[in-house]
């Protein structure tokens, strides 16, 4: 007998942070937990703080997921 996974949904997160090793670790951790890179990374300069800020969109396919405003996407 084959198992069914239920309805598939794709969830989306956008990680941001200073352009440093900690940001790279956050992205790497998400990838190790089944998230996938989505699109190209972004960079902007925060003139107030004098720092480059990175952004990277990531997605993950999940099954039998029901969205609610209080869902913690990082825990999926």
N, C-alpha and C. Protein backbone atom coordinates (compact mmCIF):
# COMPACT_ATOMS: atom_id res chain seq x y z
N UNK A 1 0.85 -1.17 0.00
CA UNK A 1 0.00 0.00 0.00
C UNK A 1 0.89 1.24 0.00
N UNK A 2 0.57 2.24 -0.81
CA UNK A 2 1.38 3.45 -0.87
C UNK A 2 0.85 4.50 0.10
N UNK A 3 1.75 5.21 0.71
CA UNK A 3 1.37 6.27 1.65
C UNK A 3 1.15 7.56 0.88
N UNK A 4 0.16 8.32 1.28
CA UNK A 4 -0.07 9.63 0.67
C UNK A 4 0.40 10.71 1.63
N UNK A 5 0.95 11.76 1.05
CA UNK A 5 1.51 12.83 1.86
C UNK A 5 0.52 13.95 2.17
N UNK A 6 -0.59 13.99 1.50
CA UNK A 6 -1.53 15.07 1.71
C UNK A 6 -1.25 16.23 0.78
N UNK A 7 -1.95 17.31 0.99
CA UNK A 7 -1.80 18.48 0.13
C UNK A 7 -0.46 19.17 0.38
N UNK A 8 0.24 19.48 -0.72
CA UNK A 8 1.54 20.15 -0.63
C UNK A 8 1.35 21.67 -0.69
N UNK A 9 2.06 22.37 0.15
CA UNK A 9 2.11 23.83 0.14
C UNK A 9 3.57 24.25 0.14
N UNK A 10 3.83 25.42 -0.41
CA UNK A 10 5.18 25.98 -0.37
C UNK A 10 5.16 27.19 0.55
N UNK A 11 6.05 27.19 1.53
CA UNK A 11 6.15 28.33 2.44
C UNK A 11 7.39 29.14 2.09
N UNK A 12 7.36 30.40 2.43
CA UNK A 12 8.37 31.37 2.00
C UNK A 12 8.89 32.15 3.20
N UNK A 13 10.19 32.34 3.23
CA UNK A 13 10.81 33.20 4.25
C UNK A 13 11.82 34.11 3.55
N UNK A 14 12.07 35.24 4.15
CA UNK A 14 13.10 36.15 3.64
C UNK A 14 14.03 36.46 4.80
N UNK A 15 15.23 35.91 4.71
CA UNK A 15 16.23 36.14 5.76
C UNK A 15 16.99 37.42 5.48
N UNK A 16 17.23 38.22 6.50
CA UNK A 16 18.01 39.44 6.36
C UNK A 16 18.98 39.56 7.52
N UNK A 17 20.06 40.29 7.28
CA UNK A 17 21.00 40.54 8.35
C UNK A 17 22.28 41.14 7.81
N UNK A 18 23.17 41.56 8.70
CA UNK A 18 24.45 42.10 8.27
C UNK A 18 25.22 41.08 7.43
N UNK A 19 26.01 41.58 6.50
CA UNK A 19 26.83 40.72 5.64
C UNK A 19 28.02 40.21 6.44
N UNK A 20 27.78 39.13 7.19
CA UNK A 20 28.83 38.56 8.02
C UNK A 20 28.67 37.05 8.09
N UNK A 21 29.56 36.41 8.81
CA UNK A 21 29.54 34.95 8.90
C UNK A 21 28.26 34.44 9.57
N UNK A 22 27.69 35.20 10.48
CA UNK A 22 26.46 34.77 11.15
C UNK A 22 25.29 34.68 10.17
N UNK A 23 25.21 35.62 9.23
CA UNK A 23 24.16 35.54 8.21
C UNK A 23 24.36 34.29 7.38
N UNK A 24 25.58 34.01 6.97
CA UNK A 24 25.87 32.81 6.18
C UNK A 24 25.50 31.54 6.96
N UNK A 25 25.75 31.54 8.26
CA UNK A 25 25.39 30.39 9.09
C UNK A 25 23.87 30.20 9.15
N UNK A 26 23.12 31.31 9.22
CA UNK A 26 21.65 31.21 9.25
C UNK A 26 21.12 30.61 7.95
N UNK A 27 21.67 31.04 6.83
CA UNK A 27 21.25 30.50 5.53
C UNK A 27 21.63 29.02 5.45
N UNK A 28 22.85 28.68 5.86
CA UNK A 28 23.30 27.29 5.82
C UNK A 28 22.43 26.40 6.72
N UNK A 29 22.08 26.90 7.89
CA UNK A 29 21.22 26.13 8.79
C UNK A 29 19.86 25.88 8.13
N UNK A 30 19.28 26.91 7.52
CA UNK A 30 17.99 26.74 6.86
C UNK A 30 18.08 25.70 5.74
N UNK A 31 19.16 25.74 4.96
CA UNK A 31 19.33 24.76 3.88
C UNK A 31 19.44 23.35 4.45
N UNK A 32 20.12 23.20 5.58
CA UNK A 32 20.28 21.87 6.19
C UNK A 32 18.96 21.35 6.75
N UNK A 33 18.00 22.25 6.97
CA UNK A 33 16.68 21.86 7.49
C UNK A 33 15.64 21.69 6.38
N UNK A 34 16.10 21.66 5.14
CA UNK A 34 15.19 21.37 4.03
C UNK A 34 14.69 22.57 3.26
N UNK A 35 15.10 23.77 3.62
CA UNK A 35 14.72 24.96 2.87
C UNK A 35 15.57 25.04 1.61
N UNK A 36 15.06 25.72 0.57
CA UNK A 36 15.79 25.90 -0.69
C UNK A 36 15.94 27.38 -0.98
N UNK A 37 17.06 27.74 -1.60
CA UNK A 37 17.25 29.12 -2.02
C UNK A 37 16.20 29.46 -3.07
N UNK A 38 15.70 30.69 -3.02
CA UNK A 38 14.71 31.15 -3.98
C UNK A 38 15.20 32.50 -4.53
N UNK A 39 15.62 32.51 -5.77
CA UNK A 39 16.10 33.75 -6.36
C UNK A 39 17.51 34.09 -5.91
N UNK A 40 17.92 35.25 -6.32
CA UNK A 40 19.27 35.72 -6.02
C UNK A 40 19.30 36.46 -4.68
N UNK A 41 20.45 36.45 -4.00
CA UNK A 41 20.57 37.24 -2.78
C UNK A 41 20.55 38.74 -3.12
N UNK A 42 20.22 39.53 -2.13
CA UNK A 42 20.21 40.98 -2.30
C UNK A 42 21.18 41.62 -1.30
N UNK A 43 21.67 42.77 -1.65
CA UNK A 43 22.54 43.54 -0.76
C UNK A 43 22.09 45.00 -0.80
N UNK A 44 22.15 45.64 0.34
CA UNK A 44 21.89 47.06 0.42
C UNK A 44 22.81 47.64 1.49
N UNK A 45 22.99 48.92 1.45
CA UNK A 45 23.86 49.57 2.42
C UNK A 45 23.03 50.38 3.39
N UNK A 46 23.19 50.11 4.68
CA UNK A 46 22.54 50.87 5.74
C UNK A 46 23.50 51.99 6.15
N UNK A 47 23.26 53.19 5.62
CA UNK A 47 24.16 54.32 5.87
C UNK A 47 24.18 54.72 7.34
N UNK A 48 23.06 54.53 8.04
CA UNK A 48 23.00 54.89 9.45
C UNK A 48 23.95 54.03 10.28
N UNK A 49 23.98 52.74 9.99
CA UNK A 49 24.84 51.82 10.74
C UNK A 49 26.19 51.59 10.05
N UNK A 50 26.29 52.03 8.79
CA UNK A 50 27.53 51.83 8.06
C UNK A 50 27.81 50.37 7.73
N UNK A 51 26.75 49.61 7.50
CA UNK A 51 26.89 48.17 7.25
C UNK A 51 26.15 47.75 5.99
N UNK A 52 26.67 46.72 5.34
CA UNK A 52 25.98 46.09 4.22
C UNK A 52 25.00 45.08 4.81
N UNK A 53 23.76 45.10 4.31
CA UNK A 53 22.72 44.18 4.77
C UNK A 53 22.40 43.21 3.63
N UNK A 54 22.41 41.91 3.96
CA UNK A 54 22.09 40.86 2.99
C UNK A 54 20.64 40.44 3.14
N UNK A 55 20.10 39.91 2.06
CA UNK A 55 18.79 39.30 2.08
C UNK A 55 18.79 38.07 1.19
N UNK A 56 18.10 37.02 1.61
CA UNK A 56 17.99 35.81 0.80
C UNK A 56 16.62 35.19 1.04
N UNK A 57 15.87 35.03 -0.05
CA UNK A 57 14.59 34.35 0.03
C UNK A 57 14.83 32.85 0.03
N UNK A 58 14.03 32.13 0.81
CA UNK A 58 14.08 30.67 0.85
C UNK A 58 12.67 30.13 0.87
N UNK A 59 12.50 28.92 0.34
CA UNK A 59 11.20 28.26 0.33
C UNK A 59 11.35 26.83 0.82
N UNK A 60 10.21 26.25 1.23
CA UNK A 60 10.19 24.86 1.67
C UNK A 60 8.83 24.28 1.35
N UNK A 61 8.82 23.08 0.78
CA UNK A 61 7.57 22.38 0.55
C UNK A 61 7.18 21.62 1.81
N UNK A 62 5.95 21.82 2.24
CA UNK A 62 5.43 21.14 3.43
C UNK A 62 4.09 20.51 3.07
N UNK A 63 3.67 19.56 3.87
CA UNK A 63 2.44 18.84 3.59
C UNK A 63 1.45 19.02 4.74
N UNK A 64 0.17 19.08 4.37
CA UNK A 64 -0.91 19.25 5.35
C UNK A 64 -0.67 20.46 6.25
N UNK A 65 -0.27 21.56 5.64
CA UNK A 65 0.03 22.80 6.35
C UNK A 65 -1.16 23.74 6.27
N UNK A 66 -1.57 24.25 7.40
CA UNK A 66 -2.63 25.25 7.42
C UNK A 66 -2.04 26.54 7.97
N UNK A 67 -2.03 27.57 7.15
CA UNK A 67 -1.45 28.85 7.57
C UNK A 67 -2.32 29.53 8.61
N UNK A 68 -1.68 30.07 9.62
CA UNK A 68 -2.31 30.97 10.58
C UNK A 68 -1.32 32.11 10.81
N UNK A 69 -1.81 33.30 11.16
CA UNK A 69 -0.90 34.44 11.34
C UNK A 69 0.18 34.23 12.40
N UNK A 70 -0.04 33.33 13.34
CA UNK A 70 0.95 33.13 14.40
C UNK A 70 1.92 31.98 14.11
N UNK A 71 1.87 31.41 12.92
CA UNK A 71 2.78 30.30 12.59
C UNK A 71 4.22 30.78 12.61
N UNK A 72 5.11 29.97 13.14
CA UNK A 72 6.54 30.30 13.17
C UNK A 72 7.19 29.53 12.03
N UNK A 73 7.41 30.23 10.90
CA UNK A 73 7.94 29.58 9.71
C UNK A 73 9.30 28.95 9.96
N UNK A 74 10.08 29.51 10.84
CA UNK A 74 11.41 28.96 11.11
C UNK A 74 11.33 27.60 11.80
N UNK A 75 10.16 27.24 12.30
CA UNK A 75 10.00 25.95 12.99
C UNK A 75 9.43 24.87 12.09
N UNK A 76 9.18 25.18 10.83
CA UNK A 76 8.64 24.17 9.92
C UNK A 76 9.71 23.26 9.40
